[in-house]
Amino acid sequence: MHPSHGKQQARTVAARDVDDSRQVVATYAAGGNYRLTRATLGLVLSETRLDNATSINNVADTAIKLPHDAVRFDNIEVNVRYFVTPKWHISAAYVFAYGRFDTPAGTRYPKWHQVGLLNTYFLSQRSDVYGEVIYQRANELEGTGIHGAQISNFPRASGSNQPVAAIGQRHRF
């Protein structure tokens, strides 16, 4: 399970979709990894554009209504994974996200900072146990319809800061 020294990987993706309300969604992303003997360093850049957006949503919360805005999210992620042993690795990531909301009341530029730490131990090739902590700070949300920080798959925070912790067991099918 150890990565090989000096191996590089890079990927890009682009997608565009038009739904029934004439909302146009376009996502572009590029990322790459560089493997050292026991560590993997990564960088991911992405952009999502929503034209004529009527809402945005996180699967763990209710939709945020928008008045047919043009919305853009740009993300920069830097991450590292270190293999302590072949069955145990620790990962860390920092994500900076910035948005642009073109609303009838003017343009808004919200920003998010998020850091995370994940500790994983493999029980088998398809099963593991893990513990993770994530912290997010949201800034400049006024006028966007977003009322707090929100880490994916968790309910929205009531303020601009959100810490979460989780432990669990996973089995991949």
C-alpha atoms as a PDB file:
ATOM      1  CA  MET A   1       0.000   0.000   0.000  1.00  0.00           C
ATOM      2  CA  HIS A   2       3.001   2.329   0.020  1.00  0.00           C
ATOM      3  CA  PRO A   3       3.131   4.805  -2.810  1.00  0.00           C
ATOM      4  CA  SER A   4       6.187   4.554  -5.040  1.00  0.00           C
ATOM      5  CA  HIS A   5       8.814   7.282  -4.905  1.00  0.00           C
ATOM      6  CA  GLY A   6       8.493  10.100  -7.429  1.00  0.00           C
ATOM      7  CA  LYS A   7       5.311   8.961  -9.168  1.00  0.00           C
ATOM      8  CA  GLN A   8       3.186  11.817 -10.527  1.00  0.00           C
ATOM      9  CA  GLN A   9      -0.508  11.876 -11.385  1.00  0.00           C
ATOM     10  CA  ALA A  10      -2.622  14.639 -12.908  1.00  0.00           C
ATOM     11  CA  ARG A  11      -6.263  14.812 -13.953  1.00  0.00           C
ATOM     12  CA  THR A  12      -8.642  17.380 -15.421  1.00  0.00           C
ATOM     13  CA  VAL A  13     -12.414  17.367 -15.754  1.00  0.00           C
ATOM     14  CA  ALA A  14     -15.024  19.626 -17.332  1.00  0.00           C
ATOM     15  CA  ALA A  15     -18.811  19.344 -17.245  1.00  0.00           C
ATOM     16  CA  ARG A  16     -21.744  21.476 -18.389  1.00  0.00           C
ATOM     17  CA  ASP A  17     -25.442  20.917 -17.755  1.00  0.00           C
ATOM     18  CA  VAL A  18     -28.698  22.783 -18.409  1.00  0.00           C
ATOM     19  CA  ASP A  19     -31.718  21.888 -16.294  1.00  0.00           C
ATOM     20  CA  ASP A  20     -35.437  22.534 -16.902  1.00  0.00           C
ATOM     21  CA  SER A  21     -35.346  26.003 -15.274  1.00  0.00           C
ATOM     22  CA  ARG A  22     -32.640  27.084 -17.762  1.00  0.00           C
ATOM     23  CA  GLN A  23     -30.046  27.107 -14.998  1.00  0.00           C
ATOM     24  CA  VAL A  24     -26.642  26.454 -16.566  1.00  0.00           C
ATOM     25  CA  VAL A  25     -24.056  24.616 -14.472  1.00  0.00           C
ATOM     26  CA  ALA A  26     -20.421  24.384 -15.590  1.00  0.00           C
ATOM     27  CA  THR A  27     -17.599  22.846 -13.553  1.00  0.00           C
ATOM     28  CA  TYR A  28     -13.916  22.764 -14.429  1.00  0.00           C
ATOM     29  CA  ALA A  29     -11.227  21.109 -12.323  1.00  0.00           C
ATOM     30  CA  ALA A  30      -7.586  20.090 -12.465  1.00  0.00           C
ATOM     31  CA  GLY A  31      -5.508  18.304  -9.883  1.00  0.00           C
ATOM     32  CA  GLY A  32      -2.322  16.457  -9.390  1.00  0.00           C
ATOM     33  CA  ASN A  33      -0.383  14.348  -6.907  1.00  0.00           C
ATOM     34  CA  TYR A  34       3.303  13.775  -6.374  1.00  0.00           C
ATOM     35  CA  ARG A  35       4.253  10.618  -4.490  1.00  0.00           C
ATOM     36  CA  LEU A  36       7.304  10.374  -2.306  1.00  0.00           C
ATOM     37  CA  THR A  37       8.366   7.230  -0.468  1.00  0.00           C
ATOM     38  CA  ARG A  38       5.774   7.490   2.332  1.00  0.00           C
ATOM     39  CA  ALA A  39       3.905  10.699   1.514  1.00  0.00           C
ATOM     40  CA  THR A  40       1.695  12.004  -1.271  1.00  0.00           C
ATOM     41  CA  LEU A  41       1.400  15.744  -1.902  1.00  0.00           C
ATOM     42  CA  GLY A  42      -1.637  17.039  -3.786  1.00  0.00           C
ATOM     43  CA  LEU A  43      -3.079  20.168  -5.336  1.00  0.00           C
ATOM     44  CA  VAL A  44      -6.623  20.577  -6.729  1.00  0.00           C
ATOM     45  CA  LEU A  45      -8.059  23.656  -8.484  1.00  0.00           C
ATOM     46  CA  SER A  46     -11.735  23.895  -9.436  1.00  0.00           C
ATOM     47  CA  GLU A  47     -14.351  26.342 -10.591  1.00  0.00           C
ATOM     48  CA  THR A  48     -18.130  25.971 -10.679  1.00  0.00           C
ATOM     49  CA  ARG A  49     -20.350  28.480 -12.498  1.00  0.00           C
ATOM     50  CA  LEU A  50     -24.101  28.650 -12.048  1.00  0.00           C
ATOM     51  CA  ASP A  51     -25.900  30.952 -14.477  1.00  0.00           C
ATOM     52  CA  ASN A  52     -29.524  31.873 -13.758  1.00  0.00           C
ATOM     53  CA  ALA A  53     -29.276  30.092 -10.382  1.00  0.00           C
ATOM     54  CA  THR A  54     -32.482  29.786  -8.371  1.00  0.00           C
ATOM     55  CA  SER A  55     -30.953  27.859  -5.437  1.00  0.00           C
ATOM     56  CA  ILE A  56     -27.824  26.208  -4.125  1.00  0.00           C
ATOM     57  CA  ASN A  57     -27.852  23.255  -1.770  1.00  0.00           C
ATOM     58  CA  ASN A  58     -25.812  21.015   0.475  1.00  0.00           C
ATOM     59  CA  VAL A  59     -27.235  17.506   0.831  1.00  0.00           C
ATOM     60  CA  ALA A  60     -27.513  17.877   4.634  1.00  0.00           C
ATOM     61  CA  ASP A  61     -29.489  21.129   4.655  1.00  0.00           C
ATOM     62  CA  THR A  62     -32.303  23.046   2.988  1.00  0.00           C
ATOM     63  CA  ALA A  63     -31.729  24.896  -0.275  1.00  0.00           C
ATOM     64  CA  ILE A  64     -30.667  28.534  -0.277  1.00  0.00           C
ATOM     65  CA  LYS A  65     -33.023  30.460  -2.570  1.00  0.00           C
ATOM     66  CA  LEU A  66     -31.490  32.820  -5.138  1.00  0.00           C
ATOM     67  CA  PRO A  67     -33.234  35.269  -7.502  1.00  0.00           C
ATOM     68  CA  HIS A  68     -31.752  33.923 -10.778  1.00  0.00           C
ATOM     69  CA  ASP A  69     -28.241  35.016  -9.806  1.00  0.00           C
ATOM     70  CA  ALA A  70     -24.971  34.322 -11.573  1.00  0.00           C
ATOM     71  CA  VAL A  71     -22.856  32.443  -9.000  1.00  0.00           C
ATOM     72  CA  ARG A  72     -19.250  31.278  -9.185  1.00  0.00           C
ATOM     73  CA  PHE A  73     -17.167  29.206  -6.749  1.00  0.00           C
ATOM     74  CA  ASP A  74     -13.399  28.809  -7.093  1.00  0.00           C
ATOM     75  CA  ASN A  75     -11.537  26.325  -4.865  1.00  0.00           C
ATOM     76  CA  ILE A  76      -7.864  25.754  -4.145  1.00  0.00           C
ATOM     77  CA  GLU A  77      -6.965  22.645  -2.131  1.00  0.00           C
ATOM     78  CA  VAL A  78      -3.536  21.618  -0.864  1.00  0.00           C
ATOM     79  CA  ASN A  79      -3.300  18.181   0.764  1.00  0.00           C
ATOM     80  CA  VAL A  80      -0.813  15.646   2.066  1.00  0.00           C
ATOM     81  CA  ARG A  81      -1.153  11.972   3.005  1.00  0.00           C
ATOM     82  CA  TYR A  82       1.530  10.240   5.056  1.00  0.00           C
ATOM     83  CA  PHE A  83       1.728   6.440   5.374  1.00  0.00           C
ATOM     84  CA  VAL A  84       2.874   5.705   8.935  1.00  0.00           C
ATOM     85  CA  THR A  85       2.694   1.979   8.135  1.00  0.00           C
ATOM     86  CA  PRO A  86       1.239   0.173   5.091  1.00  0.00           C
ATOM     87  CA  LYS A  87      -2.127  -0.064   6.939  1.00  0.00           C
ATOM     88  CA  TRP A  88      -2.197   3.321   8.680  1.00  0.00           C
ATOM     89  CA  HIS A  89      -2.159   6.785   7.131  1.00  0.00           C
ATOM     90  CA  ILE A  90      -2.743  10.339   8.272  1.00  0.00           C
ATOM     91  CA  SER A  91      -4.029  12.998   5.862  1.00  0.00           C
ATOM     92  CA  ALA A  92      -4.330  16.776   6.141  1.00  0.00           C
ATOM     93  CA  ALA A  93      -5.877  19.330   3.793  1.00  0.00           C
ATOM     94  CA  TYR A  94      -6.421  23.073   3.506  1.00  0.00           C
ATOM     95  CA  VAL A  95      -9.104  24.459   1.173  1.00  0.00           C
ATOM     96  CA  PHE A  96      -9.619  28.113   0.271  1.00  0.00           C
ATOM     97  CA  ALA A  97     -12.882  28.797  -1.540  1.00  0.00           C
ATOM     98  CA  TYR A  98     -14.049  32.122  -2.845  1.00  0.00           C
ATOM     99  CA  GLY A  99     -17.307  32.963  -4.480  1.00  0.00           C
ATOM    100  CA  ARG A 100     -18.855  35.613  -6.643  1.00  0.00           C
ATOM    101  CA  PHE A 101     -22.589  36.255  -6.398  1.00  0.00           C
ATOM    102  CA  ASP A 102     -23.958  38.688  -8.998  1.00  0.00           C
ATOM    103  CA  THR A 103     -27.262  39.665  -7.373  1.00  0.00           C
ATOM    104  CA  PRO A 104     -29.814  42.411  -8.108  1.00  0.00           C
ATOM    105  CA  ALA A 105     -28.412  44.215  -5.028  1.00  0.00           C
ATOM    106  CA  GLY A 106     -24.816  44.096  -6.305  1.00  0.00           C
ATOM    107  CA  THR A 107     -21.867  41.728  -6.428  1.00  0.00           C
ATOM    108  CA  ARG A 108     -20.817  39.837  -3.281  1.00  0.00           C
ATOM    109  CA  TYR A 109     -17.544  37.967  -2.696  1.00  0.00           C
ATOM    110  CA  PRO A 110     -17.882  35.356   0.088  1.00  0.00           C
ATOM    111  CA  LYS A 111     -14.817  33.384   1.220  1.00  0.00           C
ATOM    112  CA  TRP A 112     -14.278  30.128   3.096  1.00  0.00           C
ATOM    113  CA  HIS A 113     -11.200  28.657   4.801  1.00  0.00           C
ATOM    114  CA  GLN A 114     -11.294  24.971   5.758  1.00  0.00           C
ATOM    115  CA  VAL A 115      -8.720  22.672   7.353  1.00  0.00           C
ATOM    116  CA  GLY A 116      -9.072  18.972   8.035  1.00  0.00           C
ATOM    117  CA  LEU A 117      -7.166  16.079   9.544  1.00  0.00           C
ATOM    118  CA  LEU A 118      -8.032  12.418   8.863  1.00  0.00           C
ATOM    119  CA  ASN A 119      -6.565   9.344  10.584  1.00  0.00           C
ATOM    120  CA  THR A 120      -7.294   6.033   8.792  1.00  0.00           C
ATOM    121  CA  TYR A 121      -6.407   2.448   9.721  1.00  0.00           C
ATOM    122  CA  PHE A 122      -7.127  -0.314   7.181  1.00  0.00           C
ATOM    123  CA  LEU A 123      -8.628  -3.521   8.586  1.00  0.00           C
ATOM    124  CA  SER A 124      -8.568  -5.121   5.124  1.00  0.00           C
ATOM    125  CA  GLN A 125      -8.329  -3.941   1.498  1.00  0.00           C
ATOM    126  CA  ARG A 126     -11.992  -2.872   1.592  1.00  0.00           C
ATOM    127  CA  SER A 127     -12.593  -1.966   5.258  1.00  0.00           C
ATOM    128  CA  ASP A 128     -11.145   0.704   7.505  1.00  0.00           C
ATOM    129  CA  VAL A 129     -11.792   2.690  10.664  1.00  0.00           C
ATOM    130  CA  TYR A 130     -11.236   6.439  10.742  1.00  0.00           C
ATOM    131  CA  GLY A 131     -11.375   9.564  12.834  1.00  0.00           C
ATOM    132  CA  GLU A 132     -11.509  13.075  11.404  1.00  0.00           C
ATOM    133  CA  VAL A 133     -11.730  16.692  12.515  1.00  0.00           C
ATOM    134  CA  ILE A 134     -12.633  19.584  10.204  1.00  0.00           C
ATOM    135  CA  TYR A 135     -12.881  23.313  10.860  1.00  0.00           C
ATOM    136  CA  GLN A 136     -14.384  25.904   8.512  1.00  0.00           C
ATOM    137  CA  ARG A 137     -14.510  29.691   8.740  1.00  0.00           C
ATOM    138  CA  ALA A 138     -16.804  31.635   6.388  1.00  0.00           C
ATOM    139  CA  ASN A 139     -16.333  35.353   5.686  1.00  0.00           C
ATOM    140  CA  GLU A 140     -18.261  38.090   3.881  1.00  0.00           C
ATOM    141  CA  LEU A 141     -21.558  36.187   3.584  1.00  0.00           C
ATOM    142  CA  GLU A 142     -23.769  39.274   3.778  1.00  0.00           C
ATOM    143  CA  GLY A 143     -26.140  39.578   0.822  1.00  0.00           C
ATOM    144  CA  THR A 144     -25.489  36.053  -0.467  1.00  0.00           C
ATOM    145  CA  GLY A 145     -28.379  34.237   1.231  1.00  0.00           C
ATOM    146  CA  ILE A 146     -25.861  32.029   3.075  1.00  0.00           C
ATOM    147  CA  HIS A 147     -26.149  32.459   6.845  1.00  0.00           C
ATOM    148  CA  GLY A 148     -23.245  30.450   8.224  1.00  0.00           C
ATOM    149  CA  ALA A 149     -20.350  28.113   7.618  1.00  0.00           C
ATOM    150  CA  GLN A 150     -21.298  24.716   6.223  1.00  0.00           C
ATOM    151  CA  ILE A 151     -19.100  21.663   5.911  1.00  0.00           C
ATOM    152  CA  SER A 152     -20.384  19.170   3.335  1.00  0.00           C
ATOM    153  CA  ASN A 153     -22.759  16.525   4.720  1.00  0.00           C
ATOM    154  CA  PHE A 154     -23.261  18.409   8.007  1.00  0.00           C
ATOM    155  CA  PRO A 155     -26.018  20.920   8.884  1.00  0.00           C
ATOM    156  CA  ARG A 156     -25.184  24.607   8.443  1.00  0.00           C
ATOM    157  CA  ALA A 157     -23.650  26.415  11.425  1.00  0.00           C
ATOM    158  CA  SER A 158     -25.504  29.364  12.966  1.00  0.00           C
ATOM    159  CA  GLY A 159     -22.402  31.543  12.643  1.00  0.00           C
ATOM    160  CA  SER A 160     -19.264  31.933  10.606  1.00  0.00           C
ATOM    161  CA  ASN A 161     -17.304  29.107  12.332  1.00  0.00           C
ATOM    162  CA  GLN A 162     -17.995  25.374  12.199  1.00  0.00           C
ATOM    163  CA  PRO A 163     -15.924  22.626  13.812  1.00  0.00           C
ATOM    164  CA  VAL A 164     -16.932  18.980  13.302  1.00  0.00           C
ATOM    165  CA  ALA A 165     -15.501  15.633  14.341  1.00  0.00           C
ATOM    166  CA  ALA A 166     -16.443  12.137  13.203  1.00  0.00           C
ATOM    167  CA  ILE A 167     -15.376   8.563  13.796  1.00  0.00           C
ATOM    168  CA  GLY A 168     -16.546   5.575  11.864  1.00  0.00           C
ATOM    169  CA  GLN A 169     -15.978   2.352  10.020  1.00  0.00           C
ATOM    170  CA  ARG A 170     -16.224   2.081   6.226  1.00  0.00           C
ATOM    171  CA  HIS A 171     -16.642  -0.917   3.977  1.00  0.00           C
ATOM    172  CA  ARG A 172     -16.305  -0.470   0.230  1.00  0.00           C
ATOM    173  CA  PHE A 173     -18.367  -2.681  -2.049  1.00  0.00           C
END
